[in-house]
């Protein structure tokens, strides 16, 4: 019997991001977990939590469609009469859209946005520091995330990109 078949209790499942819906049990992404905990309400008051969630989902969608996360050889299926090393026009469109969106987020906030939206990881402060300091670090992380997402919303509305 492997570790994958062991039963976990409800508290552990909820801590790992699993929720029960009408479609069954699903695992929430990191940004959805923060949304349902109410952690996307910081930042500029012009934008609501739903706006930040939509902007984060649009950024992660553009990242997935740009195929930056795939490792492949351009030479694998090349034919003699085709251009080598070129991506399709739709992939190039999403790559340029993703890269311009990334440029709109300041460097100070990019690590928080990348960690949650692209890598799908929640912040885990070290356990050897006091609980109050861990709570403060999570709070500051959510502030940086929301400020980065606010800049992303500004970028998407300036370029009239539907998010």
Protein backbone atom coordinates (compact mmCIF):
# COMPACT_ATOMS: atom_id res chain seq x y z
CA UNK A 1 0.00 0.00 0.00
CA UNK A 2 1.54 3.30 -1.08
CA UNK A 3 1.26 6.70 0.60
CA UNK A 4 -1.04 7.93 -2.18
CA UNK A 5 -3.90 5.68 -1.08
CA UNK A 6 -3.98 6.71 2.58
CA UNK A 7 -7.01 8.53 3.91
CA UNK A 8 -6.56 12.14 5.00
CA UNK A 9 -8.98 13.91 7.29
CA UNK A 10 -11.11 16.91 6.36
CA UNK A 11 -8.87 19.48 8.05
CA UNK A 12 -5.79 18.31 6.12
CA UNK A 13 -7.73 18.26 2.85
CA UNK A 14 -8.94 21.82 3.39
CA UNK A 15 -5.43 22.93 4.34
CA UNK A 16 -4.16 21.49 1.04
CA UNK A 17 -6.80 23.44 -0.90
CA UNK A 18 -9.47 20.80 -1.56
CA UNK A 19 -13.12 21.87 -1.41
CA UNK A 20 -16.40 20.09 -2.00
CA UNK A 21 -18.53 21.53 -4.81
CA UNK A 22 -21.56 20.35 -6.70
CA UNK A 23 -19.19 18.79 -9.25
CA UNK A 24 -17.34 16.86 -6.54
CA UNK A 25 -14.12 17.48 -4.67
CA UNK A 26 -11.76 19.85 -6.48
CA UNK A 27 -8.40 21.40 -5.65
CA UNK A 28 -8.30 25.18 -5.72
CA UNK A 29 -5.39 27.08 -7.19
CA UNK A 30 -3.30 29.25 -4.90
CA UNK A 31 -5.00 32.46 -6.06
CA UNK A 32 -8.45 30.92 -5.54
CA UNK A 33 -7.48 29.86 -2.01
CA UNK A 34 -6.41 33.41 -1.22
CA UNK A 35 -9.61 34.73 -2.79
CA UNK A 36 -11.87 32.52 -0.67
CA UNK A 37 -9.91 33.44 2.47
CA UNK A 38 -10.46 37.14 1.70
CA UNK A 39 -6.78 37.90 1.18
CA UNK A 40 -7.25 39.78 -2.12
CA UNK A 41 -9.00 42.76 -0.54
CA UNK A 42 -5.83 44.79 0.08
CA UNK A 43 -4.41 47.41 -2.25
CA UNK A 44 -6.17 50.04 -4.32
CA UNK A 45 -9.84 50.51 -3.41
CA UNK A 46 -10.76 51.07 -7.08
CA UNK A 47 -10.51 47.33 -7.65
CA UNK A 48 -12.36 44.56 -5.88
CA UNK A 49 -11.28 41.01 -5.06
CA UNK A 50 -12.98 39.64 -8.18
CA UNK A 51 -11.01 42.03 -10.42
CA UNK A 52 -7.74 40.83 -8.91
CA UNK A 53 -8.79 37.19 -9.29
CA UNK A 54 -9.71 37.70 -12.96
CA UNK A 55 -6.44 39.52 -13.68
CA UNK A 56 -4.43 36.74 -12.01
CA UNK A 57 -6.30 34.08 -13.98
CA UNK A 58 -5.71 36.01 -17.21
CA UNK A 59 -1.97 36.21 -16.50
CA UNK A 60 -1.73 32.49 -15.76
CA UNK A 61 -3.80 31.72 -18.86
CA UNK A 62 -1.50 33.82 -21.03
CA UNK A 63 1.49 32.05 -19.49
CA UNK A 64 0.04 28.63 -20.27
CA UNK A 65 -0.89 29.61 -23.83
CA UNK A 66 2.56 31.07 -24.46
CA UNK A 67 4.18 27.64 -23.95
CA UNK A 68 7.03 29.05 -21.87
CA UNK A 69 6.54 26.10 -19.53
CA UNK A 70 7.21 23.45 -22.17
CA UNK A 71 10.62 22.11 -23.05
CA UNK A 72 10.85 20.98 -26.61
CA UNK A 73 13.19 21.02 -29.53
CA UNK A 74 12.37 23.20 -32.48
CA UNK A 75 14.33 20.81 -34.69
CA UNK A 76 12.26 17.74 -33.93
CA UNK A 77 9.60 18.11 -36.62
CA UNK A 78 11.34 20.48 -39.01
CA UNK A 79 10.93 20.17 -42.71
CA UNK A 80 13.43 21.53 -45.18
CA UNK A 81 11.10 24.10 -46.72
CA UNK A 82 9.83 25.56 -43.39
CA UNK A 83 11.27 28.24 -41.14
CA UNK A 84 13.09 26.66 -38.25
CA UNK A 85 12.85 27.80 -34.66
CA UNK A 86 9.64 29.80 -35.12
CA UNK A 87 6.57 29.42 -32.97
CA UNK A 88 3.08 29.70 -34.39
CA UNK A 89 1.60 33.21 -34.66
CA UNK A 90 -0.89 32.55 -31.84
CA UNK A 91 1.89 31.41 -29.50
CA UNK A 92 3.94 34.48 -30.38
CA UNK A 93 0.90 36.68 -29.71
CA UNK A 94 0.40 35.18 -26.23
CA UNK A 95 4.13 35.40 -25.50
CA UNK A 96 4.21 39.10 -26.32
CA UNK A 97 1.03 39.70 -24.32
CA UNK A 98 2.45 37.80 -21.33
CA UNK A 99 5.81 39.59 -21.47
CA UNK A 100 4.23 43.05 -21.70
CA UNK A 101 1.98 42.18 -18.74
CA UNK A 102 5.03 41.08 -16.75
CA UNK A 103 6.80 44.35 -17.57
CA UNK A 104 3.87 46.30 -16.12
CA UNK A 105 4.37 44.74 -12.67
CA UNK A 106 7.14 46.37 -10.61
CA UNK A 107 10.07 44.21 -9.59
CA UNK A 108 9.15 44.51 -5.90
CA UNK A 109 5.78 42.84 -6.46
CA UNK A 110 6.70 40.42 -9.25
CA UNK A 111 8.00 37.68 -6.96
CA UNK A 112 4.67 37.49 -5.12
CA UNK A 113 2.65 37.53 -8.35
CA UNK A 114 4.90 34.91 -9.97
CA UNK A 115 4.78 32.63 -6.94
CA UNK A 116 0.98 32.62 -6.70
CA UNK A 117 -0.17 33.04 -10.33
CA UNK A 118 2.52 31.20 -12.31
CA UNK A 119 4.02 28.68 -9.88
CA UNK A 120 0.74 28.11 -7.98
CA UNK A 121 2.47 28.16 -4.58
CA UNK A 122 1.23 29.77 -1.36
CA UNK A 123 3.78 31.54 0.84
CA UNK A 124 5.20 29.42 3.64
CA UNK A 125 7.21 31.43 6.17
CA UNK A 126 9.81 29.54 8.20
CA UNK A 127 8.42 27.63 11.18
CA UNK A 128 11.31 28.59 13.47
CA UNK A 129 10.10 32.18 13.82
CA UNK A 130 7.29 33.24 16.19
CA UNK A 131 3.68 32.84 15.06
CA UNK A 132 3.06 36.59 15.14
CA UNK A 133 5.97 37.22 12.76
CA UNK A 134 4.72 34.45 10.40
CA UNK A 135 1.31 36.15 10.34
CA UNK A 136 2.96 39.49 9.58
CA UNK A 137 4.96 37.99 6.72
CA UNK A 138 1.82 36.42 5.19
CA UNK A 139 0.03 39.76 5.51
CA UNK A 140 2.87 41.64 3.80
CA UNK A 141 2.99 39.00 1.06
CA UNK A 142 -0.73 39.48 0.36
CA UNK A 143 -0.25 43.26 0.22
CA UNK A 144 2.54 42.88 -2.33
CA UNK A 145 0.43 40.44 -4.33
CA UNK A 146 -2.56 42.77 -4.39
CA UNK A 147 -0.45 45.78 -5.37
CA UNK A 148 1.12 43.76 -8.18
CA UNK A 149 -2.31 42.61 -9.36
CA UNK A 150 -3.52 46.22 -9.26
CA UNK A 151 -0.74 47.17 -11.67
CA UNK A 152 -1.73 44.23 -13.84
CA UNK A 153 -5.34 45.43 -13.91
CA UNK A 154 -4.12 48.89 -14.92
CA UNK A 155 -2.14 47.30 -17.75
CA UNK A 156 -5.06 45.19 -19.00
CA UNK A 157 -7.48 48.12 -18.94
CA UNK A 158 -4.97 50.43 -20.69
CA UNK A 159 -4.60 47.95 -23.55
CA UNK A 160 -8.34 47.13 -23.50
CA UNK A 161 -7.67 43.43 -22.89
CA UNK A 162 -10.75 41.65 -21.59
CA UNK A 163 -9.93 39.88 -18.35
